[in-house]
Each structure stands twice: as C-alpha cells, then as structure tokens.
N, C-alpha and C. Protein backbone atom coordinates (compact mmCIF):
# COMPACT_ATOMS: atom_id res chain seq x y z
N MET A 1 32.14 93.56 -57.31
CA MET A 1 33.11 92.53 -57.57
C MET A 1 34.28 93.15 -58.34
N THR A 2 35.48 92.88 -57.88
CA THR A 2 36.66 93.43 -58.53
C THR A 2 37.01 92.62 -59.77
N ASP A 3 37.85 93.23 -60.65
CA ASP A 3 38.31 92.49 -61.83
C ASP A 3 39.09 91.25 -61.42
N GLU A 4 39.84 91.33 -60.34
CA GLU A 4 40.61 90.18 -59.86
C GLU A 4 39.69 89.02 -59.49
N ALA A 5 38.56 89.33 -58.85
CA ALA A 5 37.62 88.30 -58.41
C ALA A 5 36.91 87.64 -59.59
N LYS A 6 36.81 88.31 -60.73
CA LYS A 6 36.12 87.77 -61.89
C LYS A 6 36.96 86.78 -62.68
N LYS A 7 38.26 86.73 -62.44
CA LYS A 7 39.12 85.82 -63.20
C LYS A 7 38.82 84.37 -62.83
N VAL A 8 38.75 83.55 -63.84
CA VAL A 8 38.55 82.12 -63.64
C VAL A 8 39.66 81.39 -64.38
N GLU A 9 40.43 80.62 -63.66
CA GLU A 9 41.51 79.84 -64.27
C GLU A 9 41.03 78.41 -64.49
N PRO A 10 41.35 77.83 -65.64
CA PRO A 10 40.91 76.46 -65.90
C PRO A 10 41.63 75.45 -65.00
N LYS A 11 40.90 74.45 -64.55
CA LYS A 11 41.50 73.36 -63.79
C LYS A 11 42.27 72.43 -64.73
N LEU A 12 41.71 72.23 -65.92
CA LEU A 12 42.34 71.40 -66.93
C LEU A 12 42.39 72.18 -68.23
N THR A 13 43.47 72.06 -68.95
CA THR A 13 43.55 72.67 -70.26
C THR A 13 43.83 71.58 -71.28
N THR A 14 43.48 71.82 -72.51
CA THR A 14 43.67 70.80 -73.53
C THR A 14 44.15 71.42 -74.84
N ASP A 15 44.95 70.67 -75.53
CA ASP A 15 45.41 71.08 -76.86
C ASP A 15 44.80 70.20 -77.94
N ASP A 16 44.19 69.10 -77.53
CA ASP A 16 43.75 68.13 -78.52
C ASP A 16 42.47 67.44 -78.09
N ILE A 17 41.45 67.52 -78.92
CA ILE A 17 40.20 66.80 -78.71
C ILE A 17 39.91 66.02 -79.98
N GLY A 18 39.71 64.72 -79.83
CA GLY A 18 39.35 63.88 -80.96
C GLY A 18 37.93 63.38 -80.79
N CYS A 19 37.14 63.43 -81.85
CA CYS A 19 35.79 62.89 -81.82
C CYS A 19 35.73 61.66 -82.73
N TYR A 20 35.10 60.60 -82.25
CA TYR A 20 35.11 59.32 -82.94
C TYR A 20 33.71 58.73 -82.99
N ASP A 21 33.38 58.12 -84.10
CA ASP A 21 32.14 57.38 -84.27
C ASP A 21 32.51 55.90 -84.14
N TRP A 22 32.40 55.36 -82.93
CA TRP A 22 32.83 54.00 -82.63
C TRP A 22 31.68 53.04 -82.90
N GLN A 23 31.91 52.07 -83.79
CA GLN A 23 30.93 51.05 -84.13
C GLN A 23 31.56 49.69 -83.86
N PRO A 24 31.36 49.16 -82.65
CA PRO A 24 32.07 47.95 -82.24
C PRO A 24 31.54 46.65 -82.83
N GLY A 25 30.49 46.69 -83.62
CA GLY A 25 29.97 45.48 -84.23
C GLY A 25 28.81 44.86 -83.47
N ASN A 26 28.31 45.53 -82.47
CA ASN A 26 27.18 45.01 -81.72
C ASN A 26 25.85 45.68 -82.13
N GLY A 27 25.87 46.39 -83.24
CA GLY A 27 24.67 47.06 -83.73
C GLY A 27 24.49 48.46 -83.17
N ALA A 28 25.37 48.87 -82.26
CA ALA A 28 25.27 50.19 -81.65
C ALA A 28 26.35 51.11 -82.22
N ARG A 29 26.12 52.40 -82.10
CA ARG A 29 27.10 53.42 -82.48
C ARG A 29 27.33 54.31 -81.28
N TYR A 30 28.58 54.66 -81.06
CA TYR A 30 28.95 55.49 -79.91
C TYR A 30 29.74 56.68 -80.43
N TYR A 31 29.21 57.87 -80.24
CA TYR A 31 29.94 59.07 -80.60
C TYR A 31 30.76 59.47 -79.38
N MET A 32 32.09 59.34 -79.50
CA MET A 32 32.99 59.50 -78.38
C MET A 32 33.89 60.72 -78.59
N ALA A 33 34.18 61.42 -77.51
CA ALA A 33 35.18 62.50 -77.52
C ALA A 33 36.30 62.07 -76.57
N LEU A 34 37.52 62.08 -77.08
CA LEU A 34 38.69 61.73 -76.29
C LEU A 34 39.58 62.97 -76.23
N THR A 35 39.79 63.46 -75.02
CA THR A 35 40.47 64.72 -74.81
C THR A 35 41.75 64.50 -74.02
N GLU A 36 42.84 65.08 -74.49
CA GLU A 36 44.09 65.09 -73.73
C GLU A 36 44.04 66.26 -72.76
N SER A 37 44.35 65.98 -71.50
CA SER A 37 44.36 67.05 -70.51
C SER A 37 45.69 67.01 -69.76
N GLY A 38 45.88 67.94 -68.88
CA GLY A 38 47.11 67.99 -68.10
C GLY A 38 47.27 66.82 -67.15
N ARG A 39 46.18 66.15 -66.80
CA ARG A 39 46.23 65.03 -65.85
C ARG A 39 46.12 63.67 -66.52
N GLY A 40 45.71 63.61 -67.75
CA GLY A 40 45.50 62.34 -68.43
C GLY A 40 44.58 62.53 -69.61
N GLN A 41 43.74 61.54 -69.85
CA GLN A 41 42.76 61.62 -70.93
C GLN A 41 41.37 61.62 -70.32
N VAL A 42 40.47 62.33 -70.98
CA VAL A 42 39.07 62.34 -70.59
C VAL A 42 38.27 61.73 -71.73
N ILE A 43 37.52 60.67 -71.42
CA ILE A 43 36.63 60.07 -72.40
C ILE A 43 35.22 60.53 -72.09
N THR A 44 34.51 60.97 -73.11
CA THR A 44 33.11 61.38 -72.96
C THR A 44 32.29 60.65 -74.00
N TRP A 45 31.26 59.98 -73.56
CA TRP A 45 30.30 59.37 -74.48
C TRP A 45 29.21 60.40 -74.71
N LEU A 46 29.15 60.92 -75.92
CA LEU A 46 28.19 61.97 -76.26
C LEU A 46 26.84 61.32 -76.60
N LYS A 47 26.20 60.78 -75.58
CA LYS A 47 25.00 59.98 -75.79
C LYS A 47 23.72 60.80 -75.85
N TYR A 48 23.76 62.04 -75.45
CA TYR A 48 22.56 62.88 -75.44
C TYR A 48 22.58 63.82 -76.64
N GLY A 49 22.05 63.36 -77.75
CA GLY A 49 22.00 64.19 -78.95
C GLY A 49 23.36 64.53 -79.50
N ASP A 50 24.35 63.69 -79.22
CA ASP A 50 25.73 63.90 -79.68
C ASP A 50 26.33 65.21 -79.20
N ILE A 51 25.82 65.74 -78.07
CA ILE A 51 26.37 66.99 -77.54
C ILE A 51 26.75 66.92 -76.07
N ALA A 52 26.29 65.89 -75.36
CA ALA A 52 26.57 65.80 -73.92
C ALA A 52 26.50 64.35 -73.48
N GLY A 53 27.15 64.07 -72.37
CA GLY A 53 27.09 62.73 -71.83
C GLY A 53 28.10 62.51 -70.73
N PRO A 54 28.15 61.28 -70.21
CA PRO A 54 29.04 60.97 -69.09
C PRO A 54 30.51 60.97 -69.50
N SER A 55 31.36 61.36 -68.55
CA SER A 55 32.80 61.44 -68.79
C SER A 55 33.55 60.68 -67.71
N PHE A 56 34.80 60.33 -68.02
CA PHE A 56 35.67 59.61 -67.10
C PHE A 56 37.10 60.06 -67.35
N LEU A 57 37.81 60.40 -66.28
CA LEU A 57 39.21 60.80 -66.38
C LEU A 57 40.11 59.59 -66.21
N ILE A 58 41.00 59.37 -67.17
CA ILE A 58 41.95 58.26 -67.13
C ILE A 58 43.31 58.85 -66.80
N ILE A 59 43.82 58.50 -65.62
CA ILE A 59 45.14 58.98 -65.19
C ILE A 59 46.15 57.90 -65.56
N PRO A 60 47.07 58.17 -66.49
CA PRO A 60 47.94 57.13 -67.04
C PRO A 60 48.75 56.35 -66.01
N GLU A 61 49.29 57.02 -65.01
CA GLU A 61 50.13 56.33 -64.04
C GLU A 61 49.32 55.36 -63.19
N ALA A 62 48.06 55.63 -63.00
CA ALA A 62 47.23 54.85 -62.08
C ALA A 62 46.35 53.82 -62.80
N GLU A 63 46.03 54.06 -64.06
CA GLU A 63 44.99 53.25 -64.70
C GLU A 63 45.42 52.65 -66.03
N LYS A 64 46.40 51.75 -65.96
CA LYS A 64 46.76 50.99 -67.17
C LYS A 64 45.68 49.94 -67.44
N SER A 65 44.99 49.54 -66.37
CA SER A 65 43.83 48.66 -66.51
C SER A 65 42.72 49.21 -65.60
N ILE A 66 41.50 49.00 -66.02
CA ILE A 66 40.34 49.54 -65.29
C ILE A 66 39.37 48.40 -65.02
N GLY A 67 38.82 48.38 -63.81
CA GLY A 67 37.75 47.44 -63.50
C GLY A 67 36.49 47.84 -64.24
N ALA A 68 35.90 46.90 -64.98
CA ALA A 68 34.71 47.20 -65.76
C ALA A 68 33.57 47.67 -64.86
N GLY A 69 33.36 47.01 -63.73
CA GLY A 69 32.29 47.39 -62.83
C GLY A 69 32.46 48.80 -62.29
N TYR A 70 33.70 49.15 -61.95
CA TYR A 70 34.00 50.50 -61.45
C TYR A 70 33.71 51.54 -62.53
N PHE A 71 34.20 51.29 -63.75
CA PHE A 71 34.00 52.21 -64.86
C PHE A 71 32.51 52.40 -65.15
N ILE A 72 31.77 51.30 -65.23
CA ILE A 72 30.34 51.35 -65.53
C ILE A 72 29.58 52.12 -64.45
N ASP A 73 29.94 51.87 -63.19
CA ASP A 73 29.29 52.56 -62.08
C ASP A 73 29.57 54.06 -62.11
N LYS A 74 30.83 54.44 -62.31
CA LYS A 74 31.19 55.87 -62.31
C LYS A 74 30.60 56.60 -63.52
N MET A 75 30.49 55.92 -64.66
CA MET A 75 29.89 56.54 -65.85
C MET A 75 28.37 56.57 -65.75
N GLY A 76 27.78 55.70 -64.91
CA GLY A 76 26.33 55.65 -64.78
C GLY A 76 25.65 55.10 -66.03
N ILE A 77 26.26 54.08 -66.63
CA ILE A 77 25.75 53.52 -67.89
C ILE A 77 25.54 52.02 -67.74
N GLY A 78 24.91 51.41 -68.73
CA GLY A 78 24.65 49.98 -68.73
C GLY A 78 25.91 49.17 -69.04
N GLU A 79 25.84 47.89 -68.70
CA GLU A 79 27.01 47.01 -68.88
C GLU A 79 27.43 46.87 -70.34
N ASP A 80 26.48 46.64 -71.25
CA ASP A 80 26.84 46.48 -72.66
C ASP A 80 27.52 47.72 -73.21
N ASP A 81 26.98 48.89 -72.88
CA ASP A 81 27.59 50.14 -73.34
C ASP A 81 28.97 50.33 -72.70
N GLY A 82 29.08 50.05 -71.42
CA GLY A 82 30.35 50.21 -70.72
C GLY A 82 31.45 49.33 -71.31
N LEU A 83 31.12 48.08 -71.60
CA LEU A 83 32.12 47.17 -72.18
C LEU A 83 32.52 47.62 -73.59
N ALA A 84 31.57 48.13 -74.36
CA ALA A 84 31.88 48.63 -75.70
C ALA A 84 32.81 49.84 -75.62
N ILE A 85 32.58 50.73 -74.65
CA ILE A 85 33.44 51.91 -74.50
C ILE A 85 34.82 51.50 -73.99
N LEU A 86 34.89 50.53 -73.10
CA LEU A 86 36.20 50.03 -72.66
C LEU A 86 36.96 49.40 -73.81
N ASP A 87 36.26 48.69 -74.71
CA ASP A 87 36.92 48.17 -75.92
C ASP A 87 37.50 49.30 -76.75
N PHE A 88 36.76 50.40 -76.85
CA PHE A 88 37.25 51.59 -77.57
C PHE A 88 38.54 52.12 -76.92
N LEU A 89 38.55 52.20 -75.59
CA LEU A 89 39.73 52.72 -74.88
C LEU A 89 40.95 51.82 -75.09
N VAL A 90 40.74 50.52 -75.12
CA VAL A 90 41.85 49.59 -75.42
C VAL A 90 42.30 49.80 -76.86
N HIS A 91 41.35 49.88 -77.78
CA HIS A 91 41.66 50.08 -79.20
C HIS A 91 42.47 51.35 -79.43
N MET A 92 42.15 52.41 -78.69
CA MET A 92 42.83 53.70 -78.85
C MET A 92 44.14 53.76 -78.08
N GLY A 93 44.43 52.75 -77.25
CA GLY A 93 45.67 52.75 -76.46
C GLY A 93 45.58 53.57 -75.19
N SER A 94 44.38 53.98 -74.81
CA SER A 94 44.21 54.76 -73.58
C SER A 94 44.42 53.92 -72.33
N ILE A 95 44.03 52.65 -72.40
CA ILE A 95 44.28 51.68 -71.34
C ILE A 95 44.81 50.41 -72.01
N GLU A 96 45.48 49.57 -71.23
CA GLU A 96 45.99 48.32 -71.78
C GLU A 96 44.95 47.21 -71.74
N GLU A 97 44.12 47.23 -70.69
CA GLU A 97 43.13 46.18 -70.54
C GLU A 97 42.07 46.60 -69.53
N TYR A 98 41.02 45.82 -69.45
CA TYR A 98 40.03 45.97 -68.39
C TYR A 98 39.68 44.59 -67.87
N TYR A 99 39.16 44.57 -66.67
CA TYR A 99 38.85 43.28 -66.02
C TYR A 99 37.49 43.31 -65.37
C-alpha cells in the first residue's frame, strides 16, 4: 500500500463540541453531545455509559422543524426519550419546533 493510499480525509470536521447534562424534569437525565460540523449540527445521546449512542445530523436549511416520529425512528429510541431530546434541541436553538 502506498503512502497516498493510506491517507484518510475526514467527511466532516468540527471546531466545537459541547457536552450537556440535560434534565428535562421527567426524572431522566440525558448526557448529550452537540457538535458543529460543516453540514450542520450533530446531536448524539451518549446513552451507553456516557461514551456512545445514537446520533442525528440536523441540516439547518432543511430542518427548522423535525417530525417527532421520523426523529425517533432514525435515532432508534423510545418516544419519551425522543421527545425529551427534541425539547433539548428546541431549547438549544438547533431547531425551531417539532411536530
């Protein structure tokens, strides 16, 4: 393998990652990572030992509002958790609303 073949260029790059302990008042805690990328924001719920979990890319031009069912399905999570995370995204200004 040549040196040229070993190069890997990132698909997304980031300058800013914020980690948040979101407590929406329903008795649950959500450790969230919100990352700015070249295409939008990436939300990750760090549900597996606070180190890994489902992610979703929010493209600002396309997703000022997100369908809750779509978001929950793509994240592969339960409805209560999905609605709490969507509340977080509204609170952070990542989306304007969900339906």
